[in-house]
Amino acid sequence: MYHFDTHRQLVMLRGQPVPLSGTQYRLASLFFSNIGRVMSRDHIFAMVWGREFREFTRTIDSHVSRLRLLLEIEPQNDFRLQPVYKSGYRLLHLRQGEAAAEKQAA
């Protein structure tokens, strides 16, 4: 469903290019390369903006919200980008989680 072309900094969704800014591409790439991991706001800020996060701002939240819309990150597409209270965000691959649960039950 999602394909990342790192050379052109392009994300394809169902074979169609999704227009993203450089910041949006770096944020998407960070989340999709760390599926299931909780990433702190400090880490996200450092990796995407290249500097330390010194104060509370809504910058990350605004970018995450926009990215959800642009990439259609929602449960019906098997992904959920969820906030983690007092920490940051985590991208979940819902089908992957179901497969892991089925293996444990067997």
N, C-alpha and C. Protein backbone atom coordinates (compact mmCIF):
# COMPACT_ATOMS: atom_id res chain seq x y z
N MET A 1 0.82 -1.19 0.00
CA MET A 1 0.00 0.00 0.00
C MET A 1 0.87 1.26 0.00
N TYR A 2 1.88 1.34 0.90
CA TYR A 2 2.78 2.48 0.96
C TYR A 2 4.13 2.07 0.39
N HIS A 3 4.69 2.91 -0.46
CA HIS A 3 6.03 2.66 -1.01
C HIS A 3 6.83 3.95 -0.90
N PHE A 4 8.02 3.85 -0.29
CA PHE A 4 8.89 5.00 -0.12
C PHE A 4 10.03 4.94 -1.12
N ASP A 5 10.19 6.01 -1.89
CA ASP A 5 11.32 6.16 -2.81
C ASP A 5 12.27 7.16 -2.15
N THR A 6 13.33 6.63 -1.52
CA THR A 6 14.23 7.50 -0.76
C THR A 6 15.04 8.43 -1.65
N HIS A 7 15.34 8.01 -2.86
CA HIS A 7 16.13 8.86 -3.76
C HIS A 7 15.37 10.11 -4.18
N ARG A 8 14.09 9.96 -4.43
CA ARG A 8 13.27 11.10 -4.86
C ARG A 8 12.47 11.71 -3.70
N GLN A 9 12.62 11.14 -2.51
CA GLN A 9 11.84 11.55 -1.33
C GLN A 9 10.36 11.64 -1.69
N LEU A 10 9.84 10.49 -2.12
CA LEU A 10 8.47 10.40 -2.59
C LEU A 10 7.78 9.22 -1.93
N VAL A 11 6.54 9.41 -1.54
CA VAL A 11 5.72 8.33 -1.00
C VAL A 11 4.62 8.03 -2.01
N MET A 12 4.48 6.75 -2.30
CA MET A 12 3.40 6.30 -3.18
C MET A 12 2.36 5.61 -2.31
N LEU A 13 1.11 5.92 -2.54
CA LEU A 13 -0.01 5.30 -1.84
C LEU A 13 -0.91 4.68 -2.89
N ARG A 14 -1.03 3.36 -2.85
CA ARG A 14 -1.80 2.62 -3.87
C ARG A 14 -1.34 2.97 -5.29
N GLY A 15 -0.03 3.13 -5.46
CA GLY A 15 0.53 3.40 -6.77
C GLY A 15 0.49 4.85 -7.21
N GLN A 16 -0.06 5.73 -6.38
CA GLN A 16 -0.17 7.15 -6.72
C GLN A 16 0.76 7.97 -5.83
N PRO A 17 1.49 8.93 -6.41
CA PRO A 17 2.37 9.77 -5.58
C PRO A 17 1.55 10.69 -4.67
N VAL A 18 2.03 10.85 -3.45
CA VAL A 18 1.40 11.75 -2.49
C VAL A 18 2.32 12.96 -2.35
N PRO A 19 1.83 14.16 -2.68
CA PRO A 19 2.69 15.34 -2.55
C PRO A 19 2.94 15.67 -1.08
N LEU A 20 4.21 15.58 -0.69
CA LEU A 20 4.62 15.89 0.68
C LEU A 20 5.75 16.91 0.66
N SER A 21 5.77 17.76 1.66
CA SER A 21 6.91 18.67 1.83
C SER A 21 8.09 17.84 2.34
N GLY A 22 9.27 18.43 2.36
CA GLY A 22 10.44 17.74 2.89
C GLY A 22 10.25 17.31 4.33
N THR A 23 9.68 18.18 5.13
CA THR A 23 9.43 17.87 6.54
C THR A 23 8.42 16.73 6.66
N GLN A 24 7.36 16.78 5.89
CA GLN A 24 6.36 15.71 5.93
C GLN A 24 6.96 14.38 5.50
N TYR A 25 7.81 14.39 4.48
CA TYR A 25 8.45 13.15 4.03
C TYR A 25 9.34 12.59 5.14
N ARG A 26 10.16 13.44 5.77
CA ARG A 26 11.04 12.96 6.85
C ARG A 26 10.24 12.39 8.01
N LEU A 27 9.13 13.03 8.34
CA LEU A 27 8.27 12.55 9.43
C LEU A 27 7.65 11.20 9.07
N ALA A 28 7.13 11.08 7.87
CA ALA A 28 6.53 9.81 7.42
C ALA A 28 7.58 8.71 7.39
N SER A 29 8.75 9.01 6.87
CA SER A 29 9.83 8.03 6.80
C SER A 29 10.24 7.57 8.20
N LEU A 30 10.31 8.50 9.13
CA LEU A 30 10.66 8.15 10.51
C LEU A 30 9.63 7.19 11.11
N PHE A 31 8.35 7.50 10.95
CA PHE A 31 7.31 6.63 11.51
C PHE A 31 7.29 5.26 10.85
N PHE A 32 7.36 5.22 9.53
CA PHE A 32 7.26 3.95 8.83
C PHE A 32 8.52 3.09 8.98
N SER A 33 9.63 3.69 9.33
CA SER A 33 10.83 2.89 9.58
C SER A 33 10.94 2.46 11.04
N ASN A 34 9.99 2.88 11.85
CA ASN A 34 9.97 2.53 13.27
C ASN A 34 8.59 2.05 13.71
N ILE A 35 7.94 1.24 12.89
CA ILE A 35 6.59 0.76 13.19
C ILE A 35 6.58 0.03 14.53
N GLY A 36 5.63 0.42 15.37
CA GLY A 36 5.46 -0.22 16.67
C GLY A 36 6.27 0.41 17.79
N ARG A 37 7.23 1.23 17.47
CA ARG A 37 8.07 1.86 18.50
C ARG A 37 7.48 3.20 18.93
N VAL A 38 7.52 3.44 20.23
CA VAL A 38 7.12 4.74 20.75
C VAL A 38 8.30 5.68 20.54
N MET A 39 8.03 6.80 19.92
CA MET A 39 9.08 7.80 19.71
C MET A 39 8.72 9.07 20.47
N SER A 40 9.65 9.51 21.27
CA SER A 40 9.41 10.71 22.07
C SER A 40 9.36 11.94 21.18
N ARG A 41 8.73 12.97 21.69
CA ARG A 41 8.68 14.23 20.96
C ARG A 41 10.09 14.77 20.72
N ASP A 42 10.96 14.62 21.73
CA ASP A 42 12.35 15.07 21.58
C ASP A 42 13.03 14.36 20.42
N HIS A 43 12.85 13.05 20.33
CA HIS A 43 13.46 12.27 19.26
C HIS A 43 12.89 12.66 17.90
N ILE A 44 11.59 12.79 17.82
CA ILE A 44 10.94 13.19 16.56
C ILE A 44 11.46 14.55 16.12
N PHE A 45 11.50 15.48 17.04
CA PHE A 45 11.95 16.83 16.70
C PHE A 45 13.39 16.82 16.21
N ALA A 46 14.26 16.08 16.89
CA ALA A 46 15.68 16.00 16.50
C ALA A 46 15.84 15.34 15.14
N MET A 47 15.11 14.27 14.88
CA MET A 47 15.27 13.53 13.63
C MET A 47 14.65 14.26 12.42
N VAL A 48 13.56 14.95 12.64
CA VAL A 48 12.85 15.60 11.53
C VAL A 48 13.32 17.04 11.31
N TRP A 49 13.48 17.78 12.39
CA TRP A 49 13.86 19.18 12.26
C TRP A 49 15.36 19.41 12.48
N GLY A 50 16.05 18.40 12.99
CA GLY A 50 17.50 18.49 13.14
C GLY A 50 17.97 19.34 14.30
N ARG A 51 17.15 19.51 15.28
CA ARG A 51 17.57 20.28 16.46
C ARG A 51 16.83 19.78 17.68
N GLU A 52 17.29 20.21 18.84
CA GLU A 52 16.67 19.77 20.09
C GLU A 52 15.34 20.47 20.31
N PHE A 53 14.49 19.76 21.01
CA PHE A 53 13.15 20.24 21.36
C PHE A 53 13.26 20.87 22.75
N ARG A 54 13.14 22.16 22.85
CA ARG A 54 13.37 22.84 24.13
C ARG A 54 12.09 23.32 24.82
N GLU A 55 11.02 23.44 24.09
CA GLU A 55 9.80 23.95 24.69
C GLU A 55 8.60 23.23 24.08
N PHE A 56 7.49 23.31 24.74
CA PHE A 56 6.29 22.67 24.23
C PHE A 56 5.70 23.51 23.10
N THR A 57 5.51 22.87 21.96
CA THR A 57 4.83 23.53 20.86
C THR A 57 3.87 22.52 20.24
N ARG A 58 2.98 23.00 19.44
CA ARG A 58 2.04 22.12 18.74
C ARG A 58 2.55 21.75 17.35
N THR A 59 3.80 22.08 17.05
CA THR A 59 4.37 21.82 15.73
C THR A 59 4.26 20.35 15.34
N ILE A 60 4.71 19.48 16.21
CA ILE A 60 4.68 18.04 15.91
C ILE A 60 3.24 17.58 15.74
N ASP A 61 2.36 17.98 16.64
CA ASP A 61 0.96 17.58 16.56
C ASP A 61 0.32 18.04 15.25
N SER A 62 0.61 19.25 14.83
CA SER A 62 0.06 19.77 13.58
C SER A 62 0.55 18.96 12.38
N HIS A 63 1.84 18.65 12.37
CA HIS A 63 2.40 17.88 11.27
C HIS A 63 1.86 16.44 11.25
N VAL A 64 1.72 15.85 12.42
CA VAL A 64 1.18 14.49 12.50
C VAL A 64 -0.26 14.46 12.01
N SER A 65 -1.04 15.43 12.40
CA SER A 65 -2.44 15.50 11.97
C SER A 65 -2.53 15.62 10.45
N ARG A 66 -1.72 16.47 9.88
CA ARG A 66 -1.73 16.66 8.42
C ARG A 66 -1.25 15.39 7.71
N LEU A 67 -0.23 14.74 8.27
CA LEU A 67 0.30 13.51 7.67
C LEU A 67 -0.75 12.40 7.67
N ARG A 68 -1.51 12.30 8.76
CA ARG A 68 -2.61 11.31 8.82
C ARG A 68 -3.56 11.49 7.64
N LEU A 69 -3.91 12.73 7.36
CA LEU A 69 -4.84 13.02 6.26
C LEU A 69 -4.21 12.73 4.90
N LEU A 70 -3.01 13.22 4.68
CA LEU A 70 -2.36 13.06 3.38
C LEU A 70 -2.11 11.60 3.02
N LEU A 71 -1.67 10.81 4.00
CA LEU A 71 -1.33 9.41 3.75
C LEU A 71 -2.47 8.45 4.11
N GLU A 72 -3.60 9.03 4.50
CA GLU A 72 -4.76 8.21 4.85
C GLU A 72 -4.39 7.13 5.88
N ILE A 73 -3.67 7.56 6.91
CA ILE A 73 -3.27 6.64 7.98
C ILE A 73 -4.47 6.47 8.90
N GLU A 74 -5.17 5.35 8.72
CA GLU A 74 -6.38 5.09 9.48
C GLU A 74 -6.60 3.58 9.55
N PRO A 75 -7.36 3.12 10.51
CA PRO A 75 -7.55 1.67 10.71
C PRO A 75 -8.03 0.92 9.46
N GLN A 76 -8.89 1.51 8.64
CA GLN A 76 -9.35 0.78 7.46
C GLN A 76 -8.23 0.57 6.45
N ASN A 77 -7.11 1.28 6.60
CA ASN A 77 -5.92 1.07 5.76
C ASN A 77 -4.84 0.31 6.53
N ASP A 78 -5.21 -0.31 7.63
CA ASP A 78 -4.35 -1.17 8.45
C ASP A 78 -3.27 -0.44 9.25
N PHE A 79 -3.35 0.86 9.37
CA PHE A 79 -2.37 1.60 10.17
C PHE A 79 -3.08 2.56 11.10
N ARG A 80 -2.43 2.81 12.23
CA ARG A 80 -2.94 3.82 13.18
C ARG A 80 -1.72 4.58 13.71
N LEU A 81 -1.77 5.88 13.65
CA LEU A 81 -0.72 6.73 14.20
C LEU A 81 -1.30 7.30 15.48
N GLN A 82 -0.83 6.76 16.61
CA GLN A 82 -1.47 7.13 17.86
C GLN A 82 -0.55 7.92 18.78
N PRO A 83 -1.14 8.88 19.48
CA PRO A 83 -0.37 9.59 20.48
C PRO A 83 -0.13 8.68 21.68
N VAL A 84 1.00 8.84 22.31
CA VAL A 84 1.32 8.09 23.53
C VAL A 84 1.44 9.13 24.64
N TYR A 85 0.54 9.04 25.60
CA TYR A 85 0.43 10.04 26.66
C TYR A 85 1.78 10.34 27.31
N LYS A 86 2.10 11.62 27.39
CA LYS A 86 3.32 12.14 28.01
C LYS A 86 4.60 11.60 27.38
N SER A 87 4.52 11.16 26.14
CA SER A 87 5.73 10.65 25.50
C SER A 87 5.86 11.18 24.08
N GLY A 88 5.04 10.68 23.17
CA GLY A 88 5.17 11.07 21.78
C GLY A 88 4.14 10.38 20.92
N TYR A 89 4.61 9.64 19.92
CA TYR A 89 3.72 8.96 18.98
C TYR A 89 4.26 7.58 18.64
N ARG A 90 3.34 6.74 18.15
CA ARG A 90 3.70 5.41 17.69
C ARG A 90 2.81 5.08 16.49
N LEU A 91 3.45 4.54 15.43
CA LEU A 91 2.72 4.06 14.27
C LEU A 91 2.51 2.56 14.43
N LEU A 92 1.27 2.14 14.38
CA LEU A 92 0.94 0.72 14.50
C LEU A 92 0.47 0.17 13.17
N HIS A 93 0.98 -1.02 12.83
CA HIS A 93 0.48 -1.76 11.67
C HIS A 93 -0.51 -2.75 12.22
N LEU A 94 -1.78 -2.53 12.00
CA LEU A 94 -2.83 -3.30 12.67
C LEU A 94 -2.85 -4.76 12.26
N ARG A 95 -2.65 -5.08 11.01
CA ARG A 95 -2.64 -6.48 10.56
C ARG A 95 -1.46 -7.22 11.16
N GLN A 96 -0.33 -6.55 11.28
CA GLN A 96 0.86 -7.16 11.86
C GLN A 96 0.58 -7.55 13.32
N GLY A 97 -0.12 -6.69 14.04
CA GLY A 97 -0.47 -6.97 15.42
C GLY A 97 -1.42 -8.14 15.54
N GLU A 98 -2.36 -8.26 14.60
CA GLU A 98 -3.29 -9.39 14.60
C GLU A 98 -2.55 -10.70 14.35
N ALA A 99 -1.59 -10.69 13.44
CA ALA A 99 -0.82 -11.90 13.13
C ALA A 99 -0.01 -12.33 14.34
N ALA A 100 0.58 -11.37 15.07
CA ALA A 100 1.35 -11.70 16.26
C ALA A 100 0.45 -12.30 17.34
N ALA A 101 -0.75 -11.74 17.49
CA ALA A 101 -1.69 -12.25 18.50
C ALA A 101 -2.14 -13.67 18.14
N GLU A 102 -2.35 -13.92 16.85
CA GLU A 102 -2.76 -15.26 16.41
C GLU A 102 -1.65 -16.28 16.68
N LYS A 103 -0.39 -15.90 16.49
CA LYS A 103 0.73 -16.81 16.75
C LYS A 103 0.80 -17.14 18.23
N GLN A 104 0.58 -16.17 19.10
CA GLN A 104 0.64 -16.41 20.55
C GLN A 104 -0.50 -17.31 20.98
N ALA A 105 -1.67 -17.18 20.35
CA ALA A 105 -2.82 -17.99 20.73
C ALA A 105 -2.67 -19.44 20.29
N ALA A 106 -1.89 -19.68 19.25
CA ALA A 106 -1.73 -21.04 18.71
C ALA A 106 -0.86 -21.92 19.57
